[in-house]
Amino acid sequence: MKLHIHTSTVHDGSMKYDDQITSDGRPNARDTFLLKNGIQPADTTLVYLAYDGDDYRRYYTLSESDKGIGITGSRTLKSDALVTTNPGHALFLPLADCIAAVIHDPVTNTLMLSHLGRHNIKQIGGTACIQYLIDTHHVNPADLQIWLSPAAGSGNYPLYDFDNRGLHDVAAEQLTAAGVLAANIKASSIDTTTDQSYYSHSEFKKGNRPSDGRFAVVTYLSE
């Protein structure tokens, strides 16, 4: 199967859930972004991050009936990563500064979209999400191909629990600890705290951005 990855920018508008309400019947920014890339909102499932607990390693494998959750339907599935093996089932993750890890096994045609932010990484989420794929989908981690999205760099967003290193650096370390080959991890060089084409929650809080929007990554497989 062929892997597809699309990343929104400020030009596409904010992908935050609360920013999708329109009063004039026009498509919201999420739907417009999806449709622009040939993806039906009804075929898409949201990775719905929730910070109301203390577990940030919530992983689920989706079925056909889960399409639309959080996009055309209500946000009913709190998760830190979602998995699909069905072609045409898109996974959608809005981001503030954190990493969207697109994890693809071309052997079993398994696709995971995993959120790797400060909370997840503190709980060694980079290793845990790969272990979920090993246990549930019987993947060989050496076969996995991983892309890490634009994210905040260490200069403006250091991880204090990891000697002030950056998100990409620590995430890659955790992924390789699970058996992923370093050569199979491709990390974006874009720092969301310095590139004005991307929303940055941390920079907004510092007064350096005019709006507290979200950019997003969407990914799916096709035959």
C-alpha atoms as a PDB file:
ATOM      1  CA  MET A   1       0.000   0.000   0.000  1.00  0.00           C
ATOM      2  CA  LYS A   2       0.991   3.629  -0.488  1.00  0.00           C
ATOM      3  CA  LEU A   3       1.452   5.929   2.503  1.00  0.00           C
ATOM      4  CA  HIS A   4       0.079   9.478   2.389  1.00  0.00           C
ATOM      5  CA  ILE A   5       0.993  12.276   4.838  1.00  0.00           C
ATOM      6  CA  HIS A   6      -0.295  15.853   4.760  1.00  0.00           C
ATOM      7  CA  THR A   7       0.623  18.670   7.155  1.00  0.00           C
ATOM      8  CA  SER A   8      -1.354  21.886   7.489  1.00  0.00           C
ATOM      9  CA  THR A   9       0.111  25.347   8.009  1.00  0.00           C
ATOM     10  CA  VAL A  10      -1.205  28.667   9.292  1.00  0.00           C
ATOM     11  CA  HIS A  11      -2.433  29.327   5.746  1.00  0.00           C
ATOM     12  CA  ASP A  12      -4.932  26.460   6.165  1.00  0.00           C
ATOM     13  CA  GLY A  13      -6.369  27.947   9.363  1.00  0.00           C
ATOM     14  CA  SER A  14      -6.491  26.572  12.884  1.00  0.00           C
ATOM     15  CA  MET A  15      -7.249  22.871  13.301  1.00  0.00           C
ATOM     16  CA  LYS A  16      -8.184  23.200  16.983  1.00  0.00           C
ATOM     17  CA  TYR A  17     -11.519  21.539  17.800  1.00  0.00           C
ATOM     18  CA  ASP A  18     -13.046  24.706  19.266  1.00  0.00           C
ATOM     19  CA  ASP A  19     -12.140  26.670  16.136  1.00  0.00           C
ATOM     20  CA  GLN A  20     -14.252  24.494  13.827  1.00  0.00           C
ATOM     21  CA  ILE A  21     -17.674  25.975  14.629  1.00  0.00           C
ATOM     22  CA  THR A  22     -19.037  27.990  11.717  1.00  0.00           C
ATOM     23  CA  SER A  23     -22.316  29.875  11.796  1.00  0.00           C
ATOM     24  CA  ASP A  24     -22.808  30.432   8.083  1.00  0.00           C
ATOM     25  CA  GLY A  25     -22.780  26.848   6.847  1.00  0.00           C
ATOM     26  CA  ARG A  26     -19.347  27.068   5.241  1.00  0.00           C
ATOM     27  CA  PRO A  27     -16.931  24.138   5.616  1.00  0.00           C
ATOM     28  CA  ASN A  28     -14.651  24.574   8.615  1.00  0.00           C
ATOM     29  CA  ALA A  29     -10.865  24.651   8.367  1.00  0.00           C
ATOM     30  CA  ARG A  30     -10.491  20.947   9.125  1.00  0.00           C
ATOM     31  CA  ASP A  31     -12.960  19.837   6.488  1.00  0.00           C
ATOM     32  CA  THR A  32     -11.489  22.226   3.934  1.00  0.00           C
ATOM     33  CA  PHE A  33      -7.964  20.924   4.608  1.00  0.00           C
ATOM     34  CA  LEU A  34      -9.063  17.298   4.367  1.00  0.00           C
ATOM     35  CA  LEU A  35     -11.079  17.789   1.198  1.00  0.00           C
ATOM     36  CA  LYS A  36      -8.235  19.745  -0.408  1.00  0.00           C
ATOM     37  CA  ASN A  37      -6.094  16.636   0.013  1.00  0.00           C
ATOM     38  CA  GLY A  38      -8.724  14.258  -1.322  1.00  0.00           C
ATOM     39  CA  ILE A  39      -9.810  12.965   2.093  1.00  0.00           C
ATOM     40  CA  GLN A  40     -13.435  12.693   3.146  1.00  0.00           C
ATOM     41  CA  PRO A  41     -14.055  13.929   6.713  1.00  0.00           C
ATOM     42  CA  ALA A  42     -16.386  10.964   7.227  1.00  0.00           C
ATOM     43  CA  ASP A  43     -13.435   8.626   6.544  1.00  0.00           C
ATOM     44  CA  THR A  44     -11.254  10.315   9.170  1.00  0.00           C
ATOM     45  CA  THR A  45     -10.768   9.706  12.906  1.00  0.00           C
ATOM     46  CA  LEU A  46      -9.395  12.228  15.395  1.00  0.00           C
ATOM     47  CA  VAL A  47      -6.570  11.465  17.800  1.00  0.00           C
ATOM     48  CA  TYR A  48      -8.332  13.161  20.708  1.00  0.00           C
ATOM     49  CA  LEU A  49      -5.830  14.258  23.331  1.00  0.00           C
ATOM     50  CA  ALA A  50      -7.187  14.757  26.834  1.00  0.00           C
ATOM     51  CA  TYR A  51      -5.207  15.899  29.859  1.00  0.00           C
ATOM     52  CA  ASP A  52      -7.759  15.032  32.535  1.00  0.00           C
ATOM     53  CA  GLY A  53      -5.889  12.016  33.892  1.00  0.00           C
ATOM     54  CA  ASP A  54      -2.395  10.671  34.404  1.00  0.00           C
ATOM     55  CA  ASP A  55      -2.159   8.081  31.601  1.00  0.00           C
ATOM     56  CA  TYR A  56      -0.705   9.329  28.323  1.00  0.00           C
ATOM     57  CA  ARG A  57      -0.172   5.937  26.725  1.00  0.00           C
ATOM     58  CA  ARG A  58      -3.688   5.266  25.429  1.00  0.00           C
ATOM     59  CA  TYR A  59      -3.499   3.339  22.168  1.00  0.00           C
ATOM     60  CA  TYR A  60      -6.383   1.941  20.120  1.00  0.00           C
ATOM     61  CA  THR A  61      -6.800   0.008  16.889  1.00  0.00           C
ATOM     62  CA  LEU A  62      -9.714   1.272  14.833  1.00  0.00           C
ATOM     63  CA  SER A  63     -12.368  -0.543  12.850  1.00  0.00           C
ATOM     64  CA  GLU A  64     -14.503   0.670   9.959  1.00  0.00           C
ATOM     65  CA  SER A  65     -17.204   1.775  12.385  1.00  0.00           C
ATOM     66  CA  ASP A  66     -14.782   4.221  14.023  1.00  0.00           C
ATOM     67  CA  LYS A  67     -14.558   6.446  10.951  1.00  0.00           C
ATOM     68  CA  GLY A  68     -15.700   9.998  11.613  1.00  0.00           C
ATOM     69  CA  ILE A  69     -15.152   9.958  15.381  1.00  0.00           C
ATOM     70  CA  GLY A  70     -14.107  13.448  16.448  1.00  0.00           C
ATOM     71  CA  ILE A  71     -14.465  14.827  12.917  1.00  0.00           C
ATOM     72  CA  THR A  72     -18.045  14.362  11.727  1.00  0.00           C
ATOM     73  CA  GLY A  73     -19.087  12.861  15.057  1.00  0.00           C
ATOM     74  CA  SER A  74     -18.452  13.591  18.717  1.00  0.00           C
ATOM     75  CA  ARG A  75     -15.078  13.253  20.436  1.00  0.00           C
ATOM     76  CA  THR A  76     -15.729   9.974  22.226  1.00  0.00           C
ATOM     77  CA  LEU A  77     -12.327   8.278  22.092  1.00  0.00           C
ATOM     78  CA  LYS A  78      -9.553   9.785  24.210  1.00  0.00           C
ATOM     79  CA  SER A  79      -6.255   8.565  22.822  1.00  0.00           C
ATOM     80  CA  ASP A  80      -2.562   9.230  22.409  1.00  0.00           C
ATOM     81  CA  ALA A  81      -2.205   7.111  19.275  1.00  0.00           C
ATOM     82  CA  LEU A  82      -4.531   5.418  16.824  1.00  0.00           C
ATOM     83  CA  VAL A  83      -3.891   2.493  14.498  1.00  0.00           C
ATOM     84  CA  THR A  84      -5.554   1.408  11.279  1.00  0.00           C
ATOM     85  CA  THR A  85      -4.942  -1.416   8.835  1.00  0.00           C
ATOM     86  CA  ASN A  86      -7.727  -0.352   6.482  1.00  0.00           C
ATOM     87  CA  PRO A  87      -6.897   1.555   3.282  1.00  0.00           C
ATOM     88  CA  GLY A  88      -8.644   4.899   3.057  1.00  0.00           C
ATOM     89  CA  HIS A  89      -9.115   5.296   6.813  1.00  0.00           C
ATOM     90  CA  ALA A  90      -7.412   8.603   7.652  1.00  0.00           C
ATOM     91  CA  LEU A  91      -5.960   9.498  11.059  1.00  0.00           C
ATOM     92  CA  PHE A  92      -5.933  13.174  12.101  1.00  0.00           C
ATOM     93  CA  LEU A  93      -3.886  14.816  14.868  1.00  0.00           C
ATOM     94  CA  PRO A  94      -3.924  18.557  15.741  1.00  0.00           C
ATOM     95  CA  LEU A  95      -0.681  19.821  17.268  1.00  0.00           C
ATOM     96  CA  ALA A  96       0.346  22.687  19.540  1.00  0.00           C
ATOM     97  CA  ASP A  97       4.141  22.177  19.511  1.00  0.00           C
ATOM     98  CA  CYS A  98       4.463  18.418  19.916  1.00  0.00           C
ATOM     99  CA  ILE A  99       5.371  15.630  17.509  1.00  0.00           C
ATOM    100  CA  ALA A 100       3.026  13.645  15.322  1.00  0.00           C
ATOM    101  CA  ALA A 101       4.823  10.368  14.665  1.00  0.00           C
ATOM    102  CA  VAL A 102       3.619   8.597  11.529  1.00  0.00           C
ATOM    103  CA  ILE A 103       4.594   4.963  12.050  1.00  0.00           C
ATOM    104  CA  HIS A 104       4.169   2.637   9.073  1.00  0.00           C
ATOM    105  CA  ASP A 105       4.857  -1.055   8.717  1.00  0.00           C
ATOM    106  CA  PRO A 106       4.973  -1.801   4.971  1.00  0.00           C
ATOM    107  CA  VAL A 107       5.079  -5.542   5.673  1.00  0.00           C
ATOM    108  CA  THR A 108       1.794  -5.817   7.593  1.00  0.00           C
ATOM    109  CA  ASN A 109       0.277  -2.587   6.195  1.00  0.00           C
ATOM    110  CA  THR A 110      -0.212  -1.234   9.695  1.00  0.00           C
ATOM    111  CA  LEU A 111      -0.371   2.526  10.240  1.00  0.00           C
ATOM    112  CA  MET A 112      -0.138   4.346  13.580  1.00  0.00           C
ATOM    113  CA  LEU A 113      -0.396   8.076  14.243  1.00  0.00           C
ATOM    114  CA  SER A 114       1.127   8.761  17.646  1.00  0.00           C
ATOM    115  CA  HIS A 115       1.254  11.974  19.679  1.00  0.00           C
ATOM    116  CA  LEU A 116       4.657  12.434  21.295  1.00  0.00           C
ATOM    117  CA  GLY A 117       4.634  15.489  23.517  1.00  0.00           C
ATOM    118  CA  ARG A 118       6.063  16.390  26.890  1.00  0.00           C
ATOM    119  CA  HIS A 119       3.562  14.235  28.830  1.00  0.00           C
ATOM    120  CA  ASN A 120       3.879  11.186  26.568  1.00  0.00           C
ATOM    121  CA  ILE A 121       7.651  11.319  26.412  1.00  0.00           C
ATOM    122  CA  LYS A 122       7.949  11.629  30.189  1.00  0.00           C
ATOM    123  CA  GLN A 123       6.086   8.289  30.352  1.00  0.00           C
ATOM    124  CA  ILE A 124       8.431   6.821  27.690  1.00  0.00           C
ATOM    125  CA  GLY A 125       5.626   6.927  25.146  1.00  0.00           C
ATOM    126  CA  GLY A 126       7.975   6.583  22.190  1.00  0.00           C
ATOM    127  CA  THR A 127       8.894   3.089  23.318  1.00  0.00           C
ATOM    128  CA  ALA A 128       5.410   2.202  24.558  1.00  0.00           C
ATOM    129  CA  CYS A 129       3.613   2.934  21.294  1.00  0.00           C
ATOM    130  CA  ILE A 130       6.000   0.653  19.399  1.00  0.00           C
ATOM    131  CA  GLN A 131       5.523  -2.068  22.009  1.00  0.00           C
ATOM    132  CA  TYR A 132       1.774  -1.798  21.439  1.00  0.00           C
ATOM    133  CA  LEU A 133       2.313  -2.489  17.739  1.00  0.00           C
ATOM    134  CA  ILE A 134       4.550  -5.447  18.556  1.00  0.00           C
ATOM    135  CA  ASP A 135       2.057  -6.936  21.009  1.00  0.00           C
ATOM    136  CA  THR A 136      -1.141  -6.193  19.099  1.00  0.00           C
ATOM    137  CA  HIS A 137      -0.141  -6.291  15.432  1.00  0.00           C
ATOM    138  CA  HIS A 138       2.946  -8.523  15.640  1.00  0.00           C
ATOM    139  CA  VAL A 139       5.149  -6.084  13.752  1.00  0.00           C
ATOM    140  CA  ASN A 140       8.909  -6.365  13.570  1.00  0.00           C
ATOM    141  CA  PRO A 141      10.172  -2.964  14.785  1.00  0.00           C
ATOM    142  CA  ALA A 142      13.091  -3.195  12.361  1.00  0.00           C
ATOM    143  CA  ASP A 143      10.559  -2.996   9.505  1.00  0.00           C
ATOM    144  CA  LEU A 144       8.933   0.210  10.728  1.00  0.00           C
ATOM    145  CA  GLN A 145       9.310   3.444   8.783  1.00  0.00           C
ATOM    146  CA  ILE A 146       8.743   6.561  10.923  1.00  0.00           C
ATOM    147  CA  TRP A 147       8.302  10.232  10.096  1.00  0.00           C
ATOM    148  CA  LEU A 148       8.387  12.847  12.855  1.00  0.00           C
ATOM    149  CA  SER A 149       6.470  16.047  12.169  1.00  0.00           C
ATOM    150  CA  PRO A 150       7.544  19.653  12.703  1.00  0.00           C
ATOM    151  CA  ALA A 151       7.762  20.364  16.429  1.00  0.00           C
ATOM    152  CA  ALA A 152       9.201  22.777  18.969  1.00  0.00           C
ATOM    153  CA  GLY A 153      12.986  22.804  19.113  1.00  0.00           C
ATOM    154  CA  SER A 154      15.135  22.582  22.211  1.00  0.00           C
ATOM    155  CA  GLY A 155      16.109  26.250  22.062  1.00  0.00           C
ATOM    156  CA  ASN A 156      12.636  27.455  23.039  1.00  0.00           C
ATOM    157  CA  TYR A 157      11.089  24.219  24.326  1.00  0.00           C
ATOM    158  CA  PRO A 158      13.648  22.157  26.266  1.00  0.00           C
ATOM    159  CA  LEU A 159      12.579  18.950  27.996  1.00  0.00           C
ATOM    160  CA  TYR A 160      13.714  19.573  31.557  1.00  0.00           C
ATOM    161  CA  ASP A 161      13.284  15.910  32.524  1.00  0.00           C
ATOM    162  CA  PHE A 162      15.726  14.916  29.777  1.00  0.00           C
ATOM    163  CA  ASP A 163      18.678  17.268  30.317  1.00  0.00           C
ATOM    164  CA  ASN A 164      17.045  20.055  28.272  1.00  0.00           C
ATOM    165  CA  ARG A 165      17.165  18.041  25.061  1.00  0.00           C
ATOM    166  CA  GLY A 166      14.609  18.517  22.293  1.00  0.00           C
ATOM    167  CA  LEU A 167      11.453  16.585  21.469  1.00  0.00           C
ATOM    168  CA  HIS A 168      12.834  15.052  18.277  1.00  0.00           C
ATOM    169  CA  ASP A 169      16.034  13.897  19.959  1.00  0.00           C
ATOM    170  CA  VAL A 170      14.334  12.199  22.906  1.00  0.00           C
ATOM    171  CA  ALA A 171      11.532  10.726  20.790  1.00  0.00           C
ATOM    172  CA  ALA A 172      14.040   9.132  18.414  1.00  0.00           C
ATOM    173  CA  GLU A 173      15.958   7.694  21.368  1.00  0.00           C
ATOM    174  CA  GLN A 174      12.795   6.098  22.767  1.00  0.00           C
ATOM    175  CA  LEU A 175      11.794   4.709  19.375  1.00  0.00           C
ATOM    176  CA  THR A 176      15.171   3.087  18.806  1.00  0.00           C
ATOM    177  CA  ALA A 177      15.027   1.633  22.328  1.00  0.00           C
ATOM    178  CA  ALA A 178      11.987  -0.321  21.113  1.00  0.00           C
ATOM    179  CA  GLY A 179      13.941  -1.783  18.195  1.00  0.00           C
ATOM    180  CA  VAL A 180      13.281   0.772  15.465  1.00  0.00           C
ATOM    181  CA  LEU A 181      16.298   1.331  13.236  1.00  0.00           C
ATOM    182  CA  ALA A 182      17.698   4.848  13.477  1.00  0.00           C
ATOM    183  CA  ALA A 183      18.050   4.918   9.693  1.00  0.00           C
ATOM    184  CA  ASN A 184      14.288   4.393   9.403  1.00  0.00           C
ATOM    185  CA  ILE A 185      13.399   7.531  11.396  1.00  0.00           C
ATOM    186  CA  LYS A 186      13.039  10.733   9.389  1.00  0.00           C
ATOM    187  CA  ALA A 187      12.511  13.878  11.460  1.00  0.00           C
ATOM    188  CA  SER A 188      11.326  17.190  10.079  1.00  0.00           C
ATOM    189  CA  SER A 189      13.866  19.976  10.457  1.00  0.00           C
ATOM    190  CA  ILE A 190      11.117  22.563  11.058  1.00  0.00           C
ATOM    191  CA  ASP A 191      11.029  24.218  14.491  1.00  0.00           C
ATOM    192  CA  THR A 192       7.470  25.383  15.146  1.00  0.00           C
ATOM    193  CA  THR A 193       8.646  27.993  17.645  1.00  0.00           C
ATOM    194  CA  THR A 194      10.664  29.844  15.010  1.00  0.00           C
ATOM    195  CA  ASP A 195       8.791  29.096  11.776  1.00  0.00           C
ATOM    196  CA  GLN A 196       5.845  31.462  11.432  1.00  0.00           C
ATOM    197  CA  SER A 197       4.129  29.081   8.985  1.00  0.00           C
ATOM    198  CA  TYR A 198       3.117  26.900  11.940  1.00  0.00           C
ATOM    199  CA  TYR A 199       1.081  27.569  15.048  1.00  0.00           C
ATOM    200  CA  SER A 200       2.960  27.371  18.344  1.00  0.00           C
ATOM    201  CA  HIS A 201       1.128  27.233  21.661  1.00  0.00           C
ATOM    202  CA  SER A 202       4.277  27.880  23.680  1.00  0.00           C
ATOM    203  CA  GLU A 203       5.133  30.971  21.639  1.00  0.00           C
ATOM    204  CA  PHE A 204       1.549  32.226  21.920  1.00  0.00           C
ATOM    205  CA  LYS A 205       1.796  31.968  25.700  1.00  0.00           C
ATOM    206  CA  LYS A 206       4.958  34.082  25.568  1.00  0.00           C
ATOM    207  CA  GLY A 207       3.127  36.735  23.552  1.00  0.00           C
ATOM    208  CA  ASN A 208       5.045  35.979  20.368  1.00  0.00           C
ATOM    209  CA  ARG A 209       2.120  34.738  18.243  1.00  0.00           C
ATOM    210  CA  PRO A 210      -1.206  36.468  17.520  1.00  0.00           C
ATOM    211  CA  SER A 211      -3.394  33.374  17.900  1.00  0.00           C
ATOM    212  CA  ASP A 212      -3.405  30.083  19.789  1.00  0.00           C
ATOM    213  CA  GLY A 213      -4.200  27.855  16.830  1.00  0.00           C
ATOM    214  CA  ARG A 214      -3.216  24.307  15.973  1.00  0.00           C
ATOM    215  CA  PHE A 215      -1.694  22.813  12.859  1.00  0.00           C
ATOM    216  CA  ALA A 216      -2.383  19.177  12.032  1.00  0.00           C
ATOM    217  CA  VAL A 217      -1.039  16.021  10.455  1.00  0.00           C
ATOM    218  CA  VAL A 218      -3.297  13.591   8.622  1.00  0.00           C
ATOM    219  CA  THR A 219      -2.174  10.241   7.254  1.00  0.00           C
ATOM    220  CA  TYR A 220      -3.708   7.245   5.516  1.00  0.00           C
ATOM    221  CA  LEU A 221      -2.921   4.243   3.322  1.00  0.00           C
ATOM    222  CA  SER A 222      -4.206   3.606  -0.185  1.00  0.00           C
ATOM    223  CA  GLU A 223      -4.121   0.534  -2.377  1.00  0.00           C
END
